[in-house]
Amino acid sequence: MNKRLLCLICLCVSLFFLNSVTSILAAGEEPVAIPPLTLKKLKETGLNIVLVPEKNIFEQRKQYKYLTDYLAKKLGVAVHLDIMPNYGKISDAFIEGQADAGFFGSFSYVLTQAKAGIEPIARPVWSNGKSTYCGYLFVRKDSGILSVADMKGKSLALVDKATTAGYIFQRFYFNSFGINDLSEYFSHIYFAGTHDAAAWAVYIGEADVGAAKDLIFNELGDNYPDFKDKMLVLAESPPVPSNGLAVNRNMHPALKTFLKTIFLNMDKTEEGREVLKRFGAAKFIATKDEDYTPVIKMVEKLNIELGTYPYKGQ
């Protein structure tokens, strides 16, 4: 292949992706083209996106597939979606270079950012108008538990050591009452792995006290009236950023910009709005490190050293 022909091919590839990006940009924004070599690698490997395991894996995969199918169409490459077996594994995926991007909970983002230098891109504004969530501490209404003192010697269902709403907030909350070792205060501590599993554990009586994300707890209440009638929230965390997309620090800047452009402009087209509706969101907004300040304050209060935090295992 002569040099002139090779240059012509590279130009055609660049123009194709320039046009595809232009079609999703908001008015006044500059188009961004993905370099041919980056694009070639993407076509060979696909874009690998990982998720933290928030709830039932089948429901979660269905929800996020609307996004990944849309993204694959816009990029013109395969997008692979992998739900991690636990929250800590998402950090491992980036430390080991096995993921290009991921949807993180707030503490799993802070933890992975400290360990692997990931970069936040965007997060959803849900259909309720919020771009944040809270952690809950809850019991059954018929448990007789109404205070921290009532919880002594009871069983506690948490989610995972690498989640804000299902572990860090609860540690922070009990710390404010002078309780630093949960294993000494509770008779048994159970890590459920997902937020819905922790909520159900309390509902069916497997645990006396539970921890979970408000969005998932409230969704269970909306779908199961008996759940809502029988459960009682005793404490709520400060709001923290909803599960947002962050990317590998080694990702090409043009690809980062491309991804950010896609997500921030989804609500500008009919197709994008339909995808958002199916996903359960109104739009995506830009996210930065400063948005995670409430989480960092809890981490500092608990004297957690992120570089050595024991997120593996329970």
Protein backbone atom coordinates (compact mmCIF):
# COMPACT_ATOMS: atom_id res chain seq x y z
CA MET A 1 0.00 0.00 0.00
CA ASN A 2 1.55 3.35 -1.07
CA LYS A 3 1.87 6.28 1.30
CA ARG A 4 -0.73 8.40 -0.52
CA LEU A 5 -3.37 5.67 -0.33
CA LEU A 6 -2.67 5.09 3.36
CA CYS A 7 -3.15 8.80 4.11
CA LEU A 8 -6.43 8.79 2.17
CA ILE A 9 -7.74 5.82 4.20
CA CYS A 10 -6.82 7.49 7.51
CA LEU A 11 -8.54 10.68 6.38
CA CYS A 12 -11.73 8.79 5.47
CA VAL A 13 -11.81 7.01 8.85
CA SER A 14 -11.32 10.29 10.70
CA LEU A 15 -14.06 12.01 8.67
CA PHE A 16 -16.48 9.16 9.36
CA PHE A 17 -16.07 9.50 13.12
CA LEU A 18 -16.04 13.27 12.92
CA ASN A 19 -19.48 13.10 11.30
CA SER A 20 -20.79 10.57 13.84
CA VAL A 21 -19.70 12.73 16.76
CA THR A 22 -21.10 15.88 15.18
CA SER A 23 -24.54 14.26 15.03
CA ILE A 24 -24.74 13.95 18.82
CA LEU A 25 -23.25 17.29 19.82
CA ALA A 26 -25.27 20.12 21.28
CA ALA A 27 -25.39 23.36 19.34
CA GLY A 28 -22.13 25.32 19.50
CA GLU A 29 -19.91 22.43 20.65
CA GLU A 30 -16.79 21.46 18.73
CA PRO A 31 -16.68 17.98 17.15
CA VAL A 32 -14.07 15.51 18.41
CA ALA A 33 -12.57 12.75 16.29
CA ILE A 34 -11.14 9.54 17.75
CA PRO A 35 -7.61 8.94 16.38
CA PRO A 36 -7.43 6.00 13.91
CA LEU A 37 -5.05 3.91 16.06
CA THR A 38 -7.30 4.30 19.13
CA LEU A 39 -10.30 3.41 17.03
CA LYS A 40 -8.53 0.36 15.59
CA LYS A 41 -7.80 -0.95 19.08
CA LEU A 42 -11.40 -0.31 20.15
CA LYS A 43 -12.70 -2.31 17.21
CA GLU A 44 -10.42 -5.20 18.19
CA THR A 45 -11.18 -5.27 21.92
CA GLY A 46 -14.45 -3.41 22.29
CA LEU A 47 -15.11 -0.98 25.13
CA ASN A 48 -15.15 -2.75 28.50
CA ILE A 49 -17.54 -1.25 31.08
CA VAL A 50 -17.90 -2.65 34.60
CA LEU A 51 -20.62 -2.11 37.21
CA VAL A 52 -20.87 -2.43 40.98
CA PRO A 53 -23.49 -5.04 42.03
CA GLU A 54 -26.27 -2.85 43.42
CA LYS A 55 -29.21 -5.19 43.12
CA ASN A 56 -30.55 -8.30 41.38
CA ILE A 57 -28.05 -8.97 38.60
CA PHE A 58 -30.69 -9.66 35.95
CA GLU A 59 -32.58 -6.43 36.66
CA GLN A 60 -29.35 -4.44 36.71
CA ARG A 61 -28.04 -5.89 33.47
CA LYS A 62 -31.35 -5.16 31.74
CA GLN A 63 -31.34 -1.56 33.00
CA TYR A 64 -27.78 -0.78 31.88
CA LYS A 65 -28.06 -2.59 28.56
CA TYR A 66 -30.17 0.30 27.26
CA LEU A 67 -27.17 2.56 27.83
CA THR A 68 -24.53 0.22 26.45
CA ASP A 69 -26.54 -0.55 23.30
CA TYR A 70 -26.91 3.19 22.69
CA LEU A 71 -23.21 3.75 23.33
CA ALA A 72 -22.22 0.90 20.98
CA LYS A 73 -24.33 2.45 18.23
CA LYS A 74 -22.74 5.87 18.68
CA LEU A 75 -19.18 4.52 18.91
CA GLY A 76 -19.54 1.93 16.18
CA VAL A 77 -17.77 -0.70 18.32
CA ALA A 78 -18.82 -3.50 20.65
CA VAL A 79 -19.47 -2.46 24.26
CA HIS A 80 -19.00 -5.21 26.84
CA LEU A 81 -20.87 -4.94 30.16
CA ASP A 82 -19.65 -6.84 33.21
CA ILE A 83 -21.25 -6.72 36.66
CA MET A 84 -18.62 -7.28 39.32
CA PRO A 85 -19.16 -10.05 41.93
CA ASN A 86 -18.62 -7.48 44.70
CA TYR A 87 -17.93 -3.76 45.10
CA GLY A 88 -14.20 -4.17 45.70
CA LYS A 89 -13.69 -6.01 42.42
CA ILE A 90 -14.38 -2.84 40.45
CA SER A 91 -11.22 -1.36 41.98
CA ASP A 92 -9.27 -4.47 41.03
CA ALA A 93 -10.50 -4.22 37.43
CA PHE A 94 -8.98 -0.76 37.07
CA ILE A 95 -5.83 -1.47 39.07
CA GLU A 96 -5.17 -4.45 36.80
CA GLY A 97 -6.07 -2.57 33.60
CA GLN A 98 -9.03 -4.80 32.74
CA ALA A 99 -11.65 -2.04 32.42
CA ASP A 100 -11.99 1.02 30.22
CA ALA A 101 -14.86 2.60 32.15
CA GLY A 102 -17.22 1.81 34.99
CA PHE A 103 -20.30 2.95 36.86
CA PHE A 104 -19.26 3.53 40.46
CA GLY A 105 -20.99 4.06 43.75
CA SER A 106 -19.65 7.10 45.62
CA PHE A 107 -17.23 5.32 47.97
CA SER A 108 -16.14 2.78 45.34
CA TYR A 109 -15.29 5.79 43.15
CA VAL A 110 -13.29 7.53 45.92
CA LEU A 111 -11.49 4.27 46.70
CA THR A 112 -10.65 3.45 43.07
CA GLN A 113 -9.64 7.02 42.31
CA ALA A 114 -7.10 6.83 45.14
CA LYS A 115 -5.78 3.47 43.95
CA ALA A 116 -5.96 3.79 40.16
CA GLY A 117 -6.44 7.47 39.30
CA ILE A 118 -9.73 7.13 37.45
CA GLU A 119 -11.50 10.21 36.08
CA PRO A 120 -15.23 11.03 36.56
CA ILE A 121 -17.25 11.75 33.41
CA ALA A 122 -20.97 12.00 34.13
CA ARG A 123 -23.74 10.78 36.42
CA PRO A 124 -27.50 10.38 35.98
CA VAL A 125 -30.22 12.69 37.17
CA TRP A 126 -32.96 10.20 38.00
CA SER A 127 -36.60 10.55 37.03
CA ASN A 128 -37.27 12.02 40.51
CA GLY A 129 -35.01 14.96 39.64
CA LYS A 130 -32.17 13.93 41.96
CA SER A 131 -28.56 13.23 40.98
CA THR A 132 -27.74 11.94 44.45
CA TYR A 133 -28.65 9.12 46.81
CA CYS A 134 -28.51 8.47 50.56
CA GLY A 135 -27.72 5.55 52.78
CA TYR A 136 -30.43 4.21 55.10
CA LEU A 137 -30.33 2.38 58.42
CA PHE A 138 -33.60 0.53 58.95
CA VAL A 139 -35.55 -2.07 60.92
CA ARG A 140 -38.96 -3.73 60.85
CA LYS A 141 -41.66 -1.65 62.52
CA ASP A 142 -42.60 -4.59 64.74
CA SER A 143 -39.00 -5.13 65.93
CA GLY A 144 -39.27 -2.79 68.92
CA ILE A 145 -36.00 -1.15 67.82
CA LEU A 146 -36.22 2.63 67.82
CA SER A 147 -32.73 3.76 68.85
CA VAL A 148 -29.06 2.82 68.72
CA ALA A 149 -29.33 1.59 72.32
CA ASP A 150 -32.07 -0.83 71.22
CA MET A 151 -29.71 -2.29 68.58
CA LYS A 152 -27.10 -3.56 71.04
CA GLY A 153 -26.76 -7.32 70.76
CA LYS A 154 -28.90 -7.48 67.61
CA SER A 155 -27.89 -8.68 64.12
CA LEU A 156 -26.90 -6.26 61.35
CA ALA A 157 -27.15 -6.73 57.58
CA LEU A 158 -24.67 -4.57 55.65
CA VAL A 159 -23.94 -4.59 51.91
CA ASP A 160 -20.20 -4.43 51.20
CA LYS A 161 -17.13 -2.74 52.69
CA ALA A 162 -16.65 -0.67 49.53
CA THR A 163 -20.05 1.05 49.49
CA THR A 164 -21.17 4.32 51.08
CA ALA A 165 -24.87 3.56 51.52
CA GLY A 166 -24.36 0.02 52.76
CA TYR A 167 -21.32 0.29 55.03
CA ILE A 168 -19.35 3.57 55.26
CA PHE A 169 -22.33 5.68 56.33
CA GLN A 170 -23.40 3.14 58.94
CA ARG A 171 -19.89 3.05 60.41
CA PHE A 172 -19.89 6.85 60.43
CA TYR A 173 -23.30 6.94 62.10
CA PHE A 174 -22.41 4.50 64.87
CA ASN A 175 -19.06 6.24 65.35
CA SER A 176 -20.99 9.40 66.27
CA PHE A 177 -22.45 7.40 69.19
CA GLY A 178 -18.99 6.29 70.30
CA ILE A 179 -19.33 2.82 68.72
CA ASN A 180 -16.14 2.09 66.79
CA ASP A 181 -16.23 -1.69 66.59
CA LEU A 182 -19.49 -2.95 65.11
CA SER A 183 -18.54 -6.58 65.71
CA GLU A 184 -18.54 -5.95 69.46
CA TYR A 185 -21.83 -4.05 69.48
CA PHE A 186 -23.85 -6.44 67.32
CA SER A 187 -24.28 -10.16 67.89
CA HIS A 188 -23.79 -10.92 64.21
CA ILE A 189 -22.87 -8.92 61.10
CA TYR A 190 -23.95 -10.20 57.70
CA PHE A 191 -22.71 -8.82 54.34
CA ALA A 192 -25.52 -9.28 51.85
CA GLY A 193 -23.56 -8.20 48.75
CA THR A 194 -26.36 -6.09 47.23
CA HIS A 195 -28.68 -3.42 48.60
CA ASP A 196 -31.90 -5.25 47.82
CA ALA A 197 -30.58 -8.41 49.51
CA ALA A 198 -29.77 -6.45 52.69
CA ALA A 199 -33.26 -4.93 52.70
CA TRP A 200 -34.96 -8.28 52.20
CA ALA A 201 -32.84 -9.82 54.96
CA VAL A 202 -34.44 -7.46 57.48
CA TYR A 203 -37.91 -7.78 56.00
CA ILE A 204 -37.93 -11.59 56.30
CA GLY A 205 -36.30 -11.58 59.73
CA GLU A 206 -32.82 -12.85 58.87
CA ALA A 207 -31.37 -9.66 60.39
CA ASP A 208 -32.68 -7.15 62.92
CA VAL A 209 -31.08 -4.02 61.47
CA GLY A 210 -30.18 -3.29 57.86
CA ALA A 211 -28.28 -0.91 55.59
CA ALA A 212 -29.04 -0.01 51.97
CA LYS A 213 -29.28 2.74 49.37
CA ASP A 214 -32.45 4.83 49.57
CA LEU A 215 -33.21 4.48 45.82
CA ILE A 216 -33.31 0.69 46.01
CA PHE A 217 -35.05 0.56 49.41
CA ASN A 218 -37.74 2.96 48.17
CA GLU A 219 -38.11 1.07 44.90
CA LEU A 220 -38.88 -2.08 46.89
CA GLY A 221 -41.48 -0.12 48.82
CA ASP A 222 -43.09 1.11 45.60
CA ASN A 223 -43.21 -2.39 44.12
CA TYR A 224 -44.20 -4.28 47.27
CA PRO A 225 -46.72 -2.41 49.46
CA ASP A 226 -46.27 -4.87 52.34
CA PHE A 227 -42.54 -4.10 52.40
CA LYS A 228 -43.28 -0.39 52.70
CA ASP A 229 -45.86 -0.94 55.45
CA LYS A 230 -43.57 -3.07 57.61
CA MET A 231 -40.22 -1.27 57.34
CA LEU A 232 -38.96 1.75 59.30
CA VAL A 233 -35.99 4.00 58.43
CA LEU A 234 -34.14 5.22 61.53
CA ALA A 235 -31.22 7.13 59.99
CA GLU A 236 -30.27 8.69 56.66
CA SER A 237 -26.89 9.78 55.32
CA PRO A 238 -26.03 13.10 53.65
CA PRO A 239 -26.67 12.98 49.88
CA VAL A 240 -23.79 11.68 47.75
CA PRO A 241 -23.37 11.50 43.94
CA SER A 242 -25.49 8.94 42.12
CA ASN A 243 -23.63 6.08 40.45
CA GLY A 244 -21.57 7.82 37.80
CA LEU A 245 -19.39 6.85 34.87
CA ALA A 246 -15.64 7.14 35.34
CA VAL A 247 -12.89 6.15 32.92
CA ASN A 248 -9.42 4.63 33.02
CA ARG A 249 -6.71 7.27 33.48
CA ASN A 250 -4.91 5.89 30.40
CA MET A 251 -7.87 6.40 28.07
CA HIS A 252 -7.11 8.65 25.10
CA PRO A 253 -8.33 12.22 25.81
CA ALA A 254 -10.35 12.27 22.57
CA LEU A 255 -12.21 9.11 23.59
CA LYS A 256 -12.92 10.58 27.04
CA THR A 257 -14.38 13.67 25.39
CA PHE A 258 -16.36 11.51 22.97
CA LEU A 259 -17.93 9.52 25.83
CA LYS A 260 -18.66 12.61 27.87
CA THR A 261 -20.31 14.24 24.86
CA ILE A 262 -22.53 11.22 24.26
CA PHE A 263 -23.79 11.06 27.84
CA LEU A 264 -24.25 14.79 28.39
CA ASN A 265 -26.26 15.13 25.19
CA MET A 266 -28.53 12.09 25.44
CA ASP A 267 -31.49 14.22 26.49
CA LYS A 268 -31.09 16.46 23.41
CA THR A 269 -32.50 13.89 20.94
CA GLU A 270 -35.66 11.81 20.80
CA GLU A 271 -33.66 8.59 20.60
CA GLY A 272 -31.55 9.56 23.59
CA ARG A 273 -34.57 10.56 25.67
CA GLU A 274 -36.17 7.19 24.99
CA VAL A 275 -33.02 5.40 26.17
CA LEU A 276 -32.93 7.56 29.30
CA LYS A 277 -36.58 6.80 30.01
CA ARG A 278 -35.95 3.06 29.81
CA PHE A 279 -32.88 3.45 32.01
CA GLY A 280 -34.91 5.42 34.55
CA ALA A 281 -33.16 8.78 34.25
CA ALA A 282 -33.98 12.24 32.93
CA LYS A 283 -30.46 13.13 31.79
CA PHE A 284 -26.76 12.92 32.63
CA ILE A 285 -24.77 15.78 34.15
CA ALA A 286 -21.03 16.40 34.40
CA THR A 287 -19.32 15.09 37.54
CA LYS A 288 -16.08 16.14 39.20
CA ASP A 289 -14.01 15.04 42.20
CA GLU A 290 -15.36 17.85 44.39
CA ASP A 291 -18.84 16.29 44.21
CA TYR A 292 -17.57 13.46 46.43
CA THR A 293 -16.67 15.74 49.36
CA PRO A 294 -19.44 14.33 51.65
CA VAL A 295 -17.97 10.85 51.23
CA ILE A 296 -14.42 12.04 51.81
CA LYS A 297 -15.50 13.76 55.03
CA MET A 298 -16.93 10.46 56.33
CA VAL A 299 -13.73 8.66 55.30
CA GLU A 300 -11.59 11.22 57.14
CA LYS A 301 -13.76 11.06 60.27
CA LEU A 302 -13.33 7.28 60.32
CA ASN A 303 -9.55 7.59 59.81
CA ILE A 304 -9.72 5.37 56.74
CA GLU A 305 -6.48 5.20 54.77
CA LEU A 306 -7.67 4.65 51.20
CA GLY A 307 -4.34 3.32 49.95
CA THR A 308 -4.42 0.40 52.38
CA TYR A 309 -8.17 0.05 52.94
CA PRO A 310 -9.09 -3.68 53.28
CA TYR A 311 -11.91 -3.75 50.73
CA LYS A 312 -11.31 -7.37 49.75
CA GLY A 313 -13.40 -9.91 51.63
CA GLN A 314 -15.88 -9.18 54.39
